[in-house]
C-alpha atoms as a PDB file:
ATOM      1  CA  MET A   1      -0.799  12.243 -28.491  1.00  0.00           C
ATOM      2  CA  ARG A   2      -1.359  13.654 -25.018  1.00  0.00           C
ATOM      3  CA  THR A   3      -2.858  16.797 -26.547  1.00  0.00           C
ATOM      4  CA  VAL A   4      -5.391  14.742 -28.530  1.00  0.00           C
ATOM      5  CA  VAL A   5      -6.459  12.800 -25.437  1.00  0.00           C
ATOM      6  CA  PHE A   6      -6.555  15.967 -23.352  1.00  0.00           C
ATOM      7  CA  ASN A   7      -8.607  17.755 -26.011  1.00  0.00           C
ATOM      8  CA  GLY A   8     -11.063  14.833 -26.079  1.00  0.00           C
ATOM      9  CA  VAL A   9     -11.447  14.920 -22.305  1.00  0.00           C
ATOM     10  CA  GLN A  10     -11.857  18.699 -22.417  1.00  0.00           C
ATOM     11  CA  ALA A  11     -14.574  18.365 -25.088  1.00  0.00           C
ATOM     12  CA  ILE A  12     -16.463  15.878 -22.914  1.00  0.00           C
ATOM     13  CA  SER A  13     -16.087  18.192 -19.910  1.00  0.00           C
ATOM     14  CA  SER A  14     -17.407  21.127 -21.929  1.00  0.00           C
ATOM     15  CA  SER A  15     -20.404  19.084 -23.080  1.00  0.00           C
ATOM     16  CA  LEU A  16     -21.101  18.045 -19.492  1.00  0.00           C
ATOM     17  CA  ASN A  17     -20.858  21.663 -18.353  1.00  0.00           C
ATOM     18  CA  GLU A  18     -23.389  22.708 -20.978  1.00  0.00           C
ATOM     19  CA  LEU A  19     -25.734  19.896 -19.998  1.00  0.00           C
ATOM     20  CA  GLU A  20     -25.442  20.825 -16.328  1.00  0.00           C
ATOM     21  CA  GLU A  21     -26.534  24.362 -17.165  1.00  0.00           C
ATOM     22  CA  GLY A  22     -29.838  22.893 -18.370  1.00  0.00           C
ATOM     23  CA  GLU A  23     -30.408  24.747 -21.645  1.00  0.00           C
ATOM     24  CA  GLY A  24     -32.883  23.291 -24.185  1.00  0.00           C
ATOM     25  CA  THR A  25     -35.951  21.078 -24.048  1.00  0.00           C
ATOM     26  CA  ALA A  26     -36.117  17.853 -22.079  1.00  0.00           C
ATOM     27  CA  ALA A  27     -36.143  15.853 -25.329  1.00  0.00           C
ATOM     28  CA  ASP A  28     -33.072  17.693 -26.645  1.00  0.00           C
ATOM     29  CA  ARG A  29     -31.249  17.236 -23.357  1.00  0.00           C
ATOM     30  CA  GLN A  30     -32.152  13.559 -23.217  1.00  0.00           C
ATOM     31  CA  GLN A  31     -30.731  12.977 -26.691  1.00  0.00           C
ATOM     32  CA  GLU A  32     -27.568  14.921 -25.819  1.00  0.00           C
ATOM     33  CA  LEU A  33     -27.183  12.942 -22.583  1.00  0.00           C
ATOM     34  CA  LEU A  34     -27.489   9.644 -24.454  1.00  0.00           C
ATOM     35  CA  GLU A  35     -25.040  10.748 -27.146  1.00  0.00           C
ATOM     36  CA  LEU A  36     -22.484  11.864 -24.567  1.00  0.00           C
ATOM     37  CA  ARG A  37     -22.985   8.627 -22.617  1.00  0.00           C
ATOM     38  CA  ASP A  38     -22.259   6.659 -25.808  1.00  0.00           C
ATOM     39  CA  GLU A  39     -19.233   8.831 -26.597  1.00  0.00           C
ATOM     40  CA  ILE A  40     -17.752   8.195 -23.166  1.00  0.00           C
ATOM     41  CA  ALA A  41     -18.440   4.435 -23.410  1.00  0.00           C
ATOM     42  CA  VAL A  42     -16.671   4.277 -26.774  1.00  0.00           C
ATOM     43  CA  ALA A  43     -13.748   6.341 -25.453  1.00  0.00           C
ATOM     44  CA  GLN A  44     -13.414   4.093 -22.386  1.00  0.00           C
ATOM     45  CA  ARG A  45     -13.458   0.956 -24.533  1.00  0.00           C
ATOM     46  CA  LYS A  46     -10.897   2.407 -26.933  1.00  0.00           C
ATOM     47  CA  LEU A  47      -8.643   3.528 -24.065  1.00  0.00           C
ATOM     48  CA  ARG A  48      -8.804   0.024 -22.526  1.00  0.00           C
ATOM     49  CA  GLU A  49      -7.855  -1.462 -25.916  1.00  0.00           C
ATOM     50  CA  GLU A  50      -4.970   0.964 -26.319  1.00  0.00           C
ATOM     51  CA  ALA A  51      -3.827   0.374 -22.734  1.00  0.00           C
ATOM     52  CA  ALA A  52      -3.711  -3.370 -23.490  1.00  0.00           C
ATOM     53  CA  ARG A  53      -1.663  -2.686 -26.635  1.00  0.00           C
ATOM     54  CA  LEU A  54       0.718  -0.496 -24.617  1.00  0.00           C
ATOM     55  CA  GLU A  55       1.016  -3.212 -21.955  1.00  0.00           C
ATOM     56  CA  ALA A  56       1.974  -5.757 -24.642  1.00  0.00           C
ATOM     57  CA  LEU A  57       4.476  -3.310 -26.150  1.00  0.00           C
ATOM     58  CA  LEU A  58       6.017  -2.619 -22.728  1.00  0.00           C
ATOM     59  CA  ILE A  59       6.340  -6.358 -22.064  1.00  0.00           C
ATOM     60  CA  ARG A  60       8.114  -6.912 -25.401  1.00  0.00           C
ATOM     61  CA  HIS A  61      10.388  -3.916 -24.784  1.00  0.00           C
ATOM     62  CA  ILE A  62      11.297  -4.979 -21.244  1.00  0.00           C
ATOM     63  CA  ASP A  63      11.834  -8.595 -22.338  1.00  0.00           C
ATOM     64  CA  THR A  64      14.232  -7.365 -25.023  1.00  0.00           C
ATOM     65  CA  HIS A  65      15.990  -4.459 -23.289  1.00  0.00           C
ATOM     66  CA  GLY A  66      15.488  -4.976 -19.554  1.00  0.00           C
ATOM     67  CA  ASP A  67      13.645  -3.068 -16.855  1.00  0.00           C
ATOM     68  CA  ILE A  68      12.687   0.566 -17.424  1.00  0.00           C
ATOM     69  CA  GLU A  69      13.893   3.005 -14.773  1.00  0.00           C
ATOM     70  CA  VAL A  70      11.076   5.415 -13.962  1.00  0.00           C
ATOM     71  CA  GLY A  71      12.955   7.480 -11.398  1.00  0.00           C
ATOM     72  CA  GLY A  72      12.540   8.095  -7.716  1.00  0.00           C
ATOM     73  CA  GLY A  73      13.555   4.525  -6.926  1.00  0.00           C
ATOM     74  CA  GLN A  74      10.878   3.035  -9.209  1.00  0.00           C
ATOM     75  CA  ARG A  75      11.278   0.782 -12.203  1.00  0.00           C
ATOM     76  CA  LEU A  76       8.972  -1.156 -14.493  1.00  0.00           C
ATOM     77  CA  TYR A  77       9.555  -4.888 -14.805  1.00  0.00           C
ATOM     78  CA  VAL A  78       7.614  -7.865 -16.153  1.00  0.00           C
ATOM     79  CA  GLY A  79       6.205 -10.479 -13.832  1.00  0.00           C
ATOM     80  CA  ASN A  80       3.444 -13.042 -13.732  1.00  0.00           C
ATOM     81  CA  THR A  81       0.016 -11.788 -12.740  1.00  0.00           C
ATOM     82  CA  ARG A  82      -1.054 -13.463  -9.512  1.00  0.00           C
ATOM     83  CA  VAL A  83      -4.137 -13.524  -7.321  1.00  0.00           C
ATOM     84  CA  THR A  84      -4.365 -14.420  -3.652  1.00  0.00           C
ATOM     85  CA  LYS A  85      -7.477 -16.305  -2.552  1.00  0.00           C
ATOM     86  CA  SER A  86      -8.780 -17.291   0.843  1.00  0.00           C
ATOM     87  CA  LEU A  87      -8.916 -21.038   1.335  1.00  0.00           C
ATOM     88  CA  ASN A  88     -11.382 -20.796   4.231  1.00  0.00           C
ATOM     89  CA  ASP A  89     -13.200 -17.515   4.968  1.00  0.00           C
ATOM     90  CA  GLN A  90     -14.414 -18.693   8.365  1.00  0.00           C
ATOM     91  CA  GLN A  91     -10.905 -19.591   9.491  1.00  0.00           C
ATOM     92  CA  VAL A  92      -9.524 -16.270   8.203  1.00  0.00           C
ATOM     93  CA  PHE A  93     -12.260 -14.411  10.084  1.00  0.00           C
ATOM     94  CA  LEU A  94     -11.457 -16.243  13.317  1.00  0.00           C
ATOM     95  CA  MET A  95      -7.710 -15.550  12.922  1.00  0.00           C
ATOM     96  CA  VAL A  96      -8.359 -11.853  12.250  1.00  0.00           C
ATOM     97  CA  MET A  97     -10.627 -11.629  15.291  1.00  0.00           C
ATOM     98  CA  ASP A  98      -8.035 -13.398  17.449  1.00  0.00           C
ATOM     99  CA  ALA A  99      -5.126 -11.256  16.218  1.00  0.00           C
ATOM    100  CA  SER A 100      -7.104  -8.006  16.673  1.00  0.00           C
ATOM    101  CA  GLY A 101      -8.328  -8.887  20.143  1.00  0.00           C
ATOM    102  CA  GLY A 102     -11.916  -9.248  18.913  1.00  0.00           C
ATOM    103  CA  ASP A 103     -12.107  -5.706  17.493  1.00  0.00           C
ATOM    104  CA  LEU A 104     -14.916  -5.852  14.909  1.00  0.00           C
ATOM    105  CA  GLY A 105     -13.732  -2.484  13.577  1.00  0.00           C
ATOM    106  CA  THR A 106     -10.840  -4.380  12.018  1.00  0.00           C
ATOM    107  CA  ILE A 107     -13.297  -6.035   9.645  1.00  0.00           C
ATOM    108  CA  THR A 108     -14.394  -2.758   8.070  1.00  0.00           C
ATOM    109  CA  SER A 109     -12.809  -1.575   4.862  1.00  0.00           C
ATOM    110  CA  GLY A 110     -11.188   1.554   6.308  1.00  0.00           C
ATOM    111  CA  GLU A 111      -7.442   2.160   6.387  1.00  0.00           C
ATOM    112  CA  SER A 112      -6.814  -0.635   8.877  1.00  0.00           C
ATOM    113  CA  GLY A 113      -9.720  -2.765   7.644  1.00  0.00           C
ATOM    114  CA  VAL A 114      -9.148  -6.162   6.079  1.00  0.00           C
ATOM    115  CA  LEU A 115     -12.085  -6.549   3.650  1.00  0.00           C
ATOM    116  CA  VAL A 116     -12.404  -5.943  -0.071  1.00  0.00           C
ATOM    117  CA  SER A 117     -14.724  -7.558  -2.621  1.00  0.00           C
ATOM    118  CA  GLN A 118     -12.760 -10.840  -2.515  1.00  0.00           C
ATOM    119  CA  PRO A 119     -13.600 -10.294   0.571  1.00  0.00           C
ATOM    120  CA  TRP A 120     -10.172 -10.200   2.266  1.00  0.00           C
ATOM    121  CA  LYS A 121      -7.440  -7.604   1.738  1.00  0.00           C
ATOM    122  CA  SER A 122      -4.740 -10.236   1.735  1.00  0.00           C
ATOM    123  CA  GLY A 123      -1.875  -7.833   2.500  1.00  0.00           C
ATOM    124  CA  ALA A 124      -3.690  -6.416   5.529  1.00  0.00           C
ATOM    125  CA  VAL A 125      -4.559  -9.905   6.779  1.00  0.00           C
ATOM    126  CA  ARG A 126      -0.965 -11.112   6.289  1.00  0.00           C
ATOM    127  CA  LYS A 127       0.345  -8.140   8.261  1.00  0.00           C
ATOM    128  CA  LEU A 128      -2.164  -8.771  11.048  1.00  0.00           C
ATOM    129  CA  ILE A 129      -1.860 -12.560  11.487  1.00  0.00           C
ATOM    130  CA  GLY A 130       1.677 -13.208  10.195  1.00  0.00           C
ATOM    131  CA  ASP A 131       3.056 -15.303   7.338  1.00  0.00           C
ATOM    132  CA  ASP A 132       2.644 -18.765   8.873  1.00  0.00           C
ATOM    133  CA  LEU A 133      -1.049 -18.391   9.673  1.00  0.00           C
ATOM    134  CA  PHE A 134      -1.604 -16.484   6.424  1.00  0.00           C
ATOM    135  CA  ASN A 135      -0.119 -19.304   4.344  1.00  0.00           C
ATOM    136  CA  SER A 136      -2.416 -21.787   6.050  1.00  0.00           C
ATOM    137  CA  VAL A 137      -5.591 -19.956   4.950  1.00  0.00           C
ATOM    138  CA  PHE A 138      -4.662 -18.295   1.634  1.00  0.00           C
ATOM    139  CA  SER A 139      -3.339 -19.549  -1.677  1.00  0.00           C
ATOM    140  CA  VAL A 140      -1.508 -17.460  -4.252  1.00  0.00           C
ATOM    141  CA  GLU A 141      -2.256 -18.440  -7.832  1.00  0.00           C
ATOM    142  CA  THR A 142      -0.751 -17.280 -11.077  1.00  0.00           C
ATOM    143  CA  VAL A 143      -3.417 -15.931 -13.420  1.00  0.00           C
ATOM    144  CA  LYS A 144      -3.591 -17.822 -16.716  1.00  0.00           C
ATOM    145  CA  ASP A 145      -3.984 -16.177 -20.097  1.00  0.00           C
ATOM    146  CA  LEU A 146      -7.351 -17.325 -21.468  1.00  0.00           C
ATOM    147  CA  LYS A 147      -6.024 -17.630 -25.020  1.00  0.00           C
ATOM    148  CA  THR A 148      -2.744 -19.442 -24.402  1.00  0.00           C
ATOM    149  CA  GLY A 149      -3.254 -21.064 -21.017  1.00  0.00           C
ATOM    150  CA  SER A 150       0.187 -19.883 -19.936  1.00  0.00           C
ATOM    151  CA  ALA A 151       0.937 -17.515 -17.066  1.00  0.00           C
ATOM    152  CA  LYS A 152      -0.469 -14.053 -17.739  1.00  0.00           C
ATOM    153  CA  ARG A 153       2.322 -11.506 -17.719  1.00  0.00           C
ATOM    154  CA  SER A 154       1.985  -7.835 -16.870  1.00  0.00           C
ATOM    155  CA  VAL A 155       4.125  -4.774 -16.307  1.00  0.00           C
ATOM    156  CA  LYS A 156       4.610  -4.048 -12.611  1.00  0.00           C
ATOM    157  CA  THR A 157       6.156  -1.160 -10.733  1.00  0.00           C
ATOM    158  CA  PHE A 158       8.905  -1.825  -8.225  1.00  0.00           C
ATOM    159  CA  ASP A 159       9.124   0.921  -5.623  1.00  0.00           C
ATOM    160  CA  GLU A 160      12.076   0.769  -3.241  1.00  0.00           C
ATOM    161  CA  ALA A 161      10.071   2.808  -0.738  1.00  0.00           C
ATOM    162  CA  TYR A 162       8.040  -0.355  -0.038  1.00  0.00           C
ATOM    163  CA  THR A 163      10.913  -2.816   0.369  1.00  0.00           C
END
């Protein structure tokens, strides 16, 4: 299976290489670009579908046979998918500013930054302001499966290096 996927990726890379070299008319190149774009979109969609099937298979396997040891202190286990949401962005901002001594650089999304698209990197904020303050301005919710309404389950990696 890996060879088939690898060969598909290699074929796309080869096509991209040829297109980058710029051979052919603009009309020919445009058609080739569109075809390759469509090919990649289909491959991405199919890979997402297959990844979801694998996730479901892993969940069934782990539910039946237990965690899967990956090696190097890591194992796969099944847990509920959760999201952490800010309850009050203004209050979180003020707590971050207080805990960082007013350093606006803390707000940036660099290594020590605390923003992501949510906008808060909840782990970075928790580390900066502590659990008690964190729990007063964030909620952790279990993601629900849209079809069943029950807790969405996913395969997670436990890494003892982070315990």
